[in-house]
Amino acid sequence: MRRLKIFIFISMFLWAVNMALAQKEPQPKDSDVPQGMEAIKVTEGYRLIIPEGAKIKRIGGQIIVEDSREYEVRKFQDLESRLTKMDQNQEEFKKIYEGTKESTSAKLNDMSVQLFQLEKNQEELRQEVKDLKEVLLKIQERVEIPGRTEVNGRTP
């Protein structure tokens, strides 16, 4: 008799757990939604999987998802407008590039001319310094400074 009571108690417990689990509907996870689709919550415990970006109308208790043709046409028009904007942006970038290319080329030419002028001036300065050294050496040879001694051909 005691075994019968334990058996009935265990059976009732398992039946209650089974009923509780059966009433709880498994909720689809985000990983259950295919790529390019989205899940929308309709009511508690009920979700509808539709294409991403599809338009939905709620009229009373009804949910109306836009027709697949309307969805495809709208998506195609969106893509077309995006491509048009991309083409416009590309043209703007080309204009900017050409302007930058021309101004950079002009600046490089100016810098090249300036560098050439600097090299020319540097060479002229070197020649002037060389000439000045020769003049100074000639002056030093003519003028004898008392107490001046030369060490290794140089004056201290």
N, C-alpha and C. Protein backbone atom coordinates (compact mmCIF):
# COMPACT_ATOMS: atom_id res chain seq x y z
N MET A 1 0.81 -1.18 0.00
CA MET A 1 0.00 0.00 0.00
C MET A 1 0.88 1.27 0.00
N ARG A 2 1.89 1.22 0.76
CA ARG A 2 2.80 2.36 0.84
C ARG A 2 3.44 2.61 -0.53
N ARG A 3 3.80 1.54 -1.22
CA ARG A 3 4.40 1.67 -2.54
C ARG A 3 3.41 2.28 -3.53
N LEU A 4 2.19 1.94 -3.39
CA LEU A 4 1.16 2.48 -4.27
C LEU A 4 1.02 3.99 -4.07
N LYS A 5 1.06 4.46 -2.83
CA LYS A 5 0.95 5.89 -2.53
C LYS A 5 2.16 6.65 -3.12
N ILE A 6 3.34 6.08 -2.98
CA ILE A 6 4.55 6.72 -3.52
C ILE A 6 4.47 6.77 -5.04
N PHE A 7 4.02 5.66 -5.65
CA PHE A 7 3.88 5.60 -7.09
C PHE A 7 2.89 6.65 -7.59
N ILE A 8 1.74 6.80 -6.90
CA ILE A 8 0.72 7.78 -7.28
C ILE A 8 1.28 9.20 -7.10
N PHE A 9 1.99 9.45 -6.02
CA PHE A 9 2.56 10.77 -5.76
C PHE A 9 3.58 11.15 -6.86
N ILE A 10 4.45 10.21 -7.21
CA ILE A 10 5.45 10.48 -8.25
C ILE A 10 4.78 10.69 -9.60
N SER A 11 3.76 9.86 -9.89
CA SER A 11 3.04 10.01 -11.16
C SER A 11 2.36 11.36 -11.24
N MET A 12 1.72 11.82 -10.16
CA MET A 12 1.05 13.12 -10.15
C MET A 12 2.07 14.25 -10.33
N PHE A 13 3.22 14.13 -9.69
CA PHE A 13 4.26 15.16 -9.80
C PHE A 13 4.77 15.24 -11.25
N LEU A 14 5.06 14.10 -11.85
CA LEU A 14 5.55 14.09 -13.23
C LEU A 14 4.48 14.61 -14.20
N TRP A 15 3.21 14.27 -13.94
CA TRP A 15 2.11 14.74 -14.79
C TRP A 15 2.02 16.27 -14.71
N ALA A 16 2.15 16.85 -13.49
CA ALA A 16 2.07 18.31 -13.30
C ALA A 16 3.22 19.01 -14.02
N VAL A 17 4.42 18.45 -13.92
CA VAL A 17 5.58 19.04 -14.60
C VAL A 17 5.38 18.96 -16.11
N ASN A 18 4.89 17.84 -16.60
CA ASN A 18 4.65 17.65 -18.03
C ASN A 18 3.61 18.65 -18.54
N MET A 19 2.56 18.88 -17.81
CA MET A 19 1.51 19.82 -18.20
C MET A 19 2.07 21.25 -18.22
N ALA A 20 2.88 21.59 -17.25
CA ALA A 20 3.46 22.94 -17.19
C ALA A 20 4.38 23.17 -18.39
N LEU A 21 5.16 22.18 -18.74
CA LEU A 21 6.06 22.32 -19.89
C LEU A 21 5.29 22.33 -21.21
N ALA A 22 4.20 21.60 -21.28
CA ALA A 22 3.41 21.54 -22.51
C ALA A 22 2.71 22.86 -22.78
N GLN A 23 2.33 23.58 -21.73
CA GLN A 23 1.62 24.85 -21.92
C GLN A 23 2.55 25.97 -22.33
N LYS A 24 3.80 25.85 -21.96
CA LYS A 24 4.77 26.90 -22.31
C LYS A 24 5.25 26.66 -23.73
N GLU A 25 4.90 27.59 -24.65
CA GLU A 25 5.31 27.48 -26.04
C GLU A 25 6.76 27.87 -26.19
N PRO A 26 7.54 27.13 -26.93
CA PRO A 26 8.93 27.55 -27.14
C PRO A 26 8.97 28.79 -28.02
N GLN A 27 9.68 29.80 -27.56
CA GLN A 27 9.82 31.05 -28.30
C GLN A 27 10.98 30.89 -29.28
N PRO A 28 10.74 31.22 -30.52
CA PRO A 28 11.86 31.14 -31.47
C PRO A 28 12.92 32.16 -31.09
N LYS A 29 14.15 31.76 -31.19
CA LYS A 29 15.27 32.64 -30.87
C LYS A 29 15.64 33.44 -32.11
N ASP A 30 16.46 34.46 -31.90
CA ASP A 30 16.89 35.26 -33.05
C ASP A 30 17.68 34.41 -34.05
N SER A 31 18.31 33.36 -33.54
CA SER A 31 19.08 32.51 -34.45
C SER A 31 18.15 31.63 -35.29
N ASP A 32 16.86 31.51 -34.88
CA ASP A 32 15.89 30.73 -35.66
C ASP A 32 15.38 31.49 -36.87
N VAL A 33 15.62 32.80 -36.91
CA VAL A 33 15.12 33.63 -38.00
C VAL A 33 16.13 33.58 -39.14
N PRO A 34 15.68 33.16 -40.34
CA PRO A 34 16.62 33.08 -41.48
C PRO A 34 17.19 34.45 -41.85
N GLN A 35 18.31 34.43 -42.52
CA GLN A 35 18.96 35.66 -42.95
C GLN A 35 18.05 36.39 -43.94
N GLY A 36 17.94 37.71 -43.77
CA GLY A 36 17.10 38.51 -44.66
C GLY A 36 15.66 38.58 -44.18
N MET A 37 15.37 37.94 -43.07
CA MET A 37 14.02 37.94 -42.51
C MET A 37 14.08 38.55 -41.12
N GLU A 38 12.92 38.94 -40.61
CA GLU A 38 12.85 39.45 -39.25
C GLU A 38 11.58 38.92 -38.60
N ALA A 39 11.61 38.80 -37.28
CA ALA A 39 10.46 38.32 -36.54
C ALA A 39 9.79 39.51 -35.87
N ILE A 40 8.48 39.62 -36.04
CA ILE A 40 7.72 40.69 -35.37
C ILE A 40 6.75 40.04 -34.40
N LYS A 41 6.55 40.69 -33.29
CA LYS A 41 5.65 40.17 -32.26
C LYS A 41 4.23 40.60 -32.61
N VAL A 42 3.36 39.64 -32.79
CA VAL A 42 1.97 39.91 -33.12
C VAL A 42 1.17 40.01 -31.83
N THR A 43 1.17 38.96 -31.06
CA THR A 43 0.54 38.94 -29.73
C THR A 43 1.48 38.21 -28.80
N GLU A 44 1.10 38.09 -27.56
CA GLU A 44 1.93 37.39 -26.59
C GLU A 44 2.09 35.94 -27.02
N GLY A 45 3.33 35.51 -27.22
CA GLY A 45 3.60 34.13 -27.60
C GLY A 45 3.44 33.85 -29.08
N TYR A 46 3.14 34.85 -29.89
CA TYR A 46 2.96 34.62 -31.32
C TYR A 46 3.79 35.63 -32.09
N ARG A 47 4.68 35.12 -32.93
CA ARG A 47 5.53 35.99 -33.74
C ARG A 47 5.37 35.62 -35.20
N LEU A 48 5.56 36.60 -36.05
CA LEU A 48 5.43 36.40 -37.49
C LEU A 48 6.79 36.70 -38.11
N ILE A 49 7.25 35.82 -38.99
CA ILE A 49 8.54 36.02 -39.66
C ILE A 49 8.26 36.55 -41.06
N ILE A 50 8.81 37.74 -41.33
CA ILE A 50 8.57 38.42 -42.60
C ILE A 50 9.90 38.91 -43.16
N PRO A 51 9.94 39.28 -44.45
CA PRO A 51 11.19 39.84 -45.01
C PRO A 51 11.55 41.15 -44.30
N GLU A 52 12.85 41.39 -44.14
CA GLU A 52 13.31 42.62 -43.49
C GLU A 52 12.83 43.83 -44.28
N GLY A 53 12.25 44.78 -43.59
CA GLY A 53 11.81 46.02 -44.21
C GLY A 53 10.43 45.95 -44.82
N ALA A 54 9.74 44.81 -44.71
CA ALA A 54 8.39 44.72 -45.27
C ALA A 54 7.45 45.59 -44.45
N LYS A 55 6.52 46.24 -45.13
CA LYS A 55 5.58 47.12 -44.44
C LYS A 55 4.41 46.30 -43.90
N ILE A 56 3.96 46.68 -42.73
CA ILE A 56 2.89 45.96 -42.04
C ILE A 56 1.77 46.94 -41.71
N LYS A 57 0.53 46.50 -41.91
CA LYS A 57 -0.63 47.30 -41.52
C LYS A 57 -1.40 46.50 -40.48
N ARG A 58 -1.80 47.17 -39.44
CA ARG A 58 -2.65 46.54 -38.42
C ARG A 58 -4.02 47.19 -38.51
N ILE A 59 -4.98 46.39 -38.87
CA ILE A 59 -6.36 46.87 -38.95
C ILE A 59 -7.16 46.02 -37.98
N GLY A 60 -7.49 46.63 -36.86
CA GLY A 60 -8.19 45.87 -35.82
C GLY A 60 -7.30 44.74 -35.34
N GLY A 61 -7.78 43.54 -35.43
CA GLY A 61 -7.02 42.37 -35.02
C GLY A 61 -6.25 41.74 -36.16
N GLN A 62 -6.37 42.32 -37.36
CA GLN A 62 -5.69 41.74 -38.52
C GLN A 62 -4.33 42.39 -38.71
N ILE A 63 -3.43 41.56 -39.18
CA ILE A 63 -2.10 42.05 -39.56
C ILE A 63 -1.94 41.77 -41.04
N ILE A 64 -1.72 42.84 -41.81
CA ILE A 64 -1.59 42.70 -43.26
C ILE A 64 -0.15 43.06 -43.63
N VAL A 65 0.55 42.08 -44.20
CA VAL A 65 1.92 42.27 -44.65
C VAL A 65 1.85 42.62 -46.13
N GLU A 66 2.66 43.59 -46.56
CA GLU A 66 2.59 44.02 -47.96
C GLU A 66 2.87 42.85 -48.90
N ASP A 67 2.27 42.92 -50.05
CA ASP A 67 2.39 41.89 -51.07
C ASP A 67 3.86 41.76 -51.50
N SER A 68 4.26 40.56 -51.90
CA SER A 68 5.66 40.34 -52.27
C SER A 68 6.06 41.17 -53.49
N ARG A 69 5.13 41.40 -54.41
CA ARG A 69 5.45 42.24 -55.58
C ARG A 69 5.70 43.68 -55.16
N GLU A 70 4.85 44.19 -54.27
CA GLU A 70 5.04 45.56 -53.78
C GLU A 70 6.37 45.68 -53.05
N TYR A 71 6.68 44.68 -52.26
CA TYR A 71 7.94 44.68 -51.51
C TYR A 71 9.12 44.69 -52.47
N GLU A 72 9.08 43.83 -53.49
CA GLU A 72 10.20 43.75 -54.44
C GLU A 72 10.35 45.04 -55.23
N VAL A 73 9.24 45.63 -55.67
CA VAL A 73 9.30 46.89 -56.43
C VAL A 73 9.87 48.00 -55.55
N ARG A 74 9.40 48.07 -54.30
CA ARG A 74 9.89 49.11 -53.39
C ARG A 74 11.39 48.93 -53.13
N LYS A 75 11.83 47.70 -52.89
CA LYS A 75 13.25 47.44 -52.66
C LYS A 75 14.08 47.78 -53.91
N PHE A 76 13.57 47.44 -55.08
CA PHE A 76 14.28 47.75 -56.32
C PHE A 76 14.41 49.26 -56.49
N GLN A 77 13.34 50.00 -56.20
CA GLN A 77 13.40 51.46 -56.31
C GLN A 77 14.38 52.04 -55.30
N ASP A 78 14.43 51.48 -54.11
CA ASP A 78 15.40 51.92 -53.11
C ASP A 78 16.82 51.70 -53.61
N LEU A 79 17.06 50.52 -54.17
CA LEU A 79 18.40 50.23 -54.70
C LEU A 79 18.76 51.16 -55.85
N GLU A 80 17.79 51.43 -56.70
CA GLU A 80 18.04 52.31 -57.83
C GLU A 80 18.39 53.72 -57.36
N SER A 81 17.66 54.21 -56.35
CA SER A 81 17.96 55.56 -55.84
C SER A 81 19.33 55.58 -55.16
N ARG A 82 19.68 54.51 -54.46
CA ARG A 82 21.00 54.45 -53.84
C ARG A 82 22.10 54.44 -54.90
N LEU A 83 21.90 53.71 -55.98
CA LEU A 83 22.90 53.68 -57.06
C LEU A 83 23.04 55.06 -57.71
N THR A 84 21.92 55.75 -57.88
CA THR A 84 21.97 57.10 -58.45
C THR A 84 22.77 58.03 -57.55
N LYS A 85 22.53 57.95 -56.24
CA LYS A 85 23.29 58.78 -55.29
C LYS A 85 24.77 58.42 -55.33
N MET A 86 25.06 57.13 -55.44
CA MET A 86 26.47 56.71 -55.50
C MET A 86 27.14 57.24 -56.76
N ASP A 87 26.43 57.23 -57.88
CA ASP A 87 26.98 57.78 -59.12
C ASP A 87 27.25 59.27 -58.97
N GLN A 88 26.32 59.99 -58.34
CA GLN A 88 26.51 61.43 -58.13
C GLN A 88 27.72 61.68 -57.24
N ASN A 89 27.83 60.91 -56.17
CA ASN A 89 28.98 61.05 -55.27
C ASN A 89 30.28 60.75 -56.00
N GLN A 90 30.26 59.73 -56.86
CA GLN A 90 31.47 59.39 -57.61
C GLN A 90 31.87 60.52 -58.54
N GLU A 91 30.91 61.16 -59.19
CA GLU A 91 31.21 62.29 -60.07
C GLU A 91 31.80 63.45 -59.26
N GLU A 92 31.22 63.71 -58.09
CA GLU A 92 31.76 64.78 -57.23
C GLU A 92 33.20 64.47 -56.83
N PHE A 93 33.45 63.21 -56.47
CA PHE A 93 34.81 62.82 -56.08
C PHE A 93 35.78 62.96 -57.24
N LYS A 94 35.32 62.64 -58.45
CA LYS A 94 36.17 62.80 -59.63
C LYS A 94 36.55 64.26 -59.82
N LYS A 95 35.55 65.17 -59.67
CA LYS A 95 35.83 66.60 -59.82
C LYS A 95 36.82 67.07 -58.75
N ILE A 96 36.60 66.63 -57.53
CA ILE A 96 37.51 67.01 -56.45
C ILE A 96 38.91 66.49 -56.74
N TYR A 97 38.99 65.24 -57.21
CA TYR A 97 40.28 64.64 -57.52
C TYR A 97 40.99 65.42 -58.62
N GLU A 98 40.27 65.77 -59.68
CA GLU A 98 40.90 66.51 -60.78
C GLU A 98 41.39 67.87 -60.30
N GLY A 99 40.57 68.56 -59.50
CA GLY A 99 40.99 69.86 -58.97
C GLY A 99 42.21 69.73 -58.09
N THR A 100 42.21 68.71 -57.24
CA THR A 100 43.35 68.48 -56.36
C THR A 100 44.59 68.11 -57.17
N LYS A 101 44.38 67.30 -58.19
CA LYS A 101 45.49 66.88 -59.04
C LYS A 101 46.13 68.08 -59.73
N GLU A 102 45.29 68.98 -60.27
CA GLU A 102 45.82 70.16 -60.95
C GLU A 102 46.54 71.10 -59.98
N SER A 103 45.93 71.33 -58.83
CA SER A 103 46.57 72.25 -57.88
C SER A 103 47.86 71.64 -57.33
N THR A 104 47.88 70.33 -57.12
CA THR A 104 49.09 69.67 -56.64
C THR A 104 50.18 69.75 -57.69
N SER A 105 49.80 69.55 -58.94
CA SER A 105 50.78 69.62 -60.03
C SER A 105 51.37 71.03 -60.12
N ALA A 106 50.52 72.04 -60.00
CA ALA A 106 51.00 73.43 -60.05
C ALA A 106 51.94 73.71 -58.87
N LYS A 107 51.56 73.24 -57.69
CA LYS A 107 52.40 73.46 -56.51
C LYS A 107 53.74 72.74 -56.66
N LEU A 108 53.73 71.54 -57.20
CA LEU A 108 54.98 70.82 -57.41
C LEU A 108 55.87 71.55 -58.40
N ASN A 109 55.29 72.09 -59.45
CA ASN A 109 56.08 72.86 -60.42
C ASN A 109 56.68 74.10 -59.76
N ASP A 110 55.88 74.81 -58.95
CA ASP A 110 56.40 75.98 -58.24
C ASP A 110 57.53 75.59 -57.31
N MET A 111 57.34 74.49 -56.60
CA MET A 111 58.38 74.04 -55.66
C MET A 111 59.65 73.65 -56.41
N SER A 112 59.49 73.05 -57.58
CA SER A 112 60.64 72.66 -58.38
C SER A 112 61.42 73.90 -58.82
N VAL A 113 60.70 74.93 -59.25
CA VAL A 113 61.34 76.18 -59.67
C VAL A 113 62.06 76.82 -58.48
N GLN A 114 61.39 76.83 -57.31
CA GLN A 114 62.00 77.41 -56.11
C GLN A 114 63.24 76.62 -55.70
N LEU A 115 63.19 75.31 -55.78
CA LEU A 115 64.34 74.48 -55.44
C LEU A 115 65.51 74.75 -56.39
N PHE A 116 65.21 74.87 -57.66
CA PHE A 116 66.25 75.18 -58.64
C PHE A 116 66.89 76.53 -58.31
N GLN A 117 66.05 77.52 -57.97
CA GLN A 117 66.56 78.86 -57.63
C GLN A 117 67.43 78.80 -56.38
N LEU A 118 66.98 78.01 -55.38
CA LEU A 118 67.77 77.87 -54.15
C LEU A 118 69.12 77.22 -54.42
N GLU A 119 69.13 76.18 -55.25
CA GLU A 119 70.39 75.53 -55.59
C GLU A 119 71.32 76.49 -56.32
N LYS A 120 70.74 77.30 -57.19
CA LYS A 120 71.54 78.28 -57.92
C LYS A 120 72.12 79.31 -56.95
N ASN A 121 71.28 79.81 -56.04
CA ASN A 121 71.74 80.77 -55.04
C ASN A 121 72.80 80.16 -54.14
N GLN A 122 72.60 78.89 -53.77
CA GLN A 122 73.57 78.22 -52.91
C GLN A 122 74.94 78.13 -53.62
N GLU A 123 74.91 77.80 -54.87
CA GLU A 123 76.15 77.69 -55.63
C GLU A 123 76.84 79.06 -55.73
N GLU A 124 76.03 80.11 -55.95
CA GLU A 124 76.60 81.46 -56.01
C GLU A 124 77.21 81.84 -54.67
N LEU A 125 76.52 81.49 -53.56
CA LEU A 125 77.05 81.79 -52.22
C LEU A 125 78.35 81.04 -51.97
N ARG A 126 78.42 79.80 -52.40
CA ARG A 126 79.65 79.03 -52.22
C ARG A 126 80.81 79.70 -52.96
N GLN A 127 80.53 80.16 -54.16
CA GLN A 127 81.57 80.81 -54.95
C GLN A 127 82.00 82.11 -54.27
N GLU A 128 81.04 82.87 -53.74
CA GLU A 128 81.38 84.12 -53.05
C GLU A 128 82.21 83.85 -51.80
N VAL A 129 81.82 82.79 -51.04
CA VAL A 129 82.59 82.44 -49.84
C VAL A 129 84.01 82.04 -50.24
N LYS A 130 84.16 81.29 -51.32
CA LYS A 130 85.48 80.88 -51.80
C LYS A 130 86.31 82.11 -52.18
N ASP A 131 85.66 83.02 -52.89
CA ASP A 131 86.36 84.25 -53.29
C ASP A 131 86.77 85.06 -52.05
N LEU A 132 85.86 85.16 -51.06
CA LEU A 132 86.18 85.90 -49.83
C LEU A 132 87.34 85.26 -49.09
N LYS A 133 87.38 83.93 -49.05
CA LYS A 133 88.49 83.25 -48.39
C LYS A 133 89.82 83.59 -49.07
N GLU A 134 89.81 83.61 -50.41
CA GLU A 134 91.03 83.93 -51.15
C GLU A 134 91.47 85.37 -50.86
N VAL A 135 90.50 86.28 -50.80
CA VAL A 135 90.82 87.67 -50.51
C VAL A 135 91.40 87.78 -49.11
N LEU A 136 90.78 87.10 -48.14
CA LEU A 136 91.28 87.14 -46.76
C LEU A 136 92.68 86.57 -46.66
N LEU A 137 92.94 85.48 -47.37
CA LEU A 137 94.28 84.90 -47.34
C LEU A 137 95.32 85.87 -47.92
N LYS A 138 94.94 86.57 -48.99
CA LYS A 138 95.86 87.55 -49.58
C LYS A 138 96.10 88.69 -48.61
N ILE A 139 95.04 89.13 -47.92
CA ILE A 139 95.20 90.22 -46.95
C ILE A 139 96.09 89.76 -45.81
N GLN A 140 95.87 88.52 -45.33
CA GLN A 140 96.67 88.00 -44.22
C GLN A 140 98.14 87.88 -44.63
N GLU A 141 98.41 87.55 -45.86
CA GLU A 141 99.79 87.43 -46.33
C GLU A 141 100.45 88.80 -46.36
N ARG A 142 99.71 89.84 -46.68
CA ARG A 142 100.27 91.18 -46.79
C ARG A 142 100.44 91.82 -45.42
N VAL A 143 99.51 91.53 -44.55
CA VAL A 143 99.57 92.15 -43.23
C VAL A 143 100.20 91.16 -42.28
N GLU A 144 101.21 91.63 -41.60
CA GLU A 144 101.86 90.76 -40.66
C GLU A 144 101.44 91.23 -39.26
N ILE A 145 100.84 90.31 -38.52
CA ILE A 145 100.36 90.65 -37.18
C ILE A 145 101.44 90.23 -36.20
N PRO A 146 101.91 91.18 -35.34
CA PRO A 146 102.96 90.82 -34.39
C PRO A 146 102.44 89.82 -33.36
N GLY A 147 103.25 88.85 -33.00
CA GLY A 147 102.90 87.84 -32.00
C GLY A 147 102.07 86.70 -32.57
N ARG A 148 101.85 86.74 -33.82
CA ARG A 148 101.04 85.68 -34.43
C ARG A 148 101.96 84.52 -34.76
N THR A 149 101.53 83.32 -34.33
CA THR A 149 102.32 82.14 -34.64
C THR A 149 101.41 81.16 -35.39
N GLU A 150 102.01 80.45 -36.25
CA GLU A 150 101.23 79.48 -37.01
C GLU A 150 101.47 78.09 -36.48
N VAL A 151 100.39 77.34 -36.31
CA VAL A 151 100.47 75.95 -35.88
C VAL A 151 99.84 75.12 -36.97
N ASN A 152 100.63 74.23 -37.55
CA ASN A 152 100.15 73.39 -38.66
C ASN A 152 99.55 74.22 -39.77
N GLY A 153 100.11 75.33 -40.06
CA GLY A 153 99.68 76.16 -41.16
C GLY A 153 98.47 77.02 -40.83
N ARG A 154 98.05 77.05 -39.58
CA ARG A 154 96.89 77.85 -39.19
C ARG A 154 97.26 78.75 -38.03
N THR A 155 96.59 79.85 -37.95
CA THR A 155 96.81 80.75 -36.84
C THR A 155 95.76 80.47 -35.76
N PRO A 156 96.20 80.46 -34.50
CA PRO A 156 95.23 80.19 -33.44
C PRO A 156 94.28 81.32 -33.20
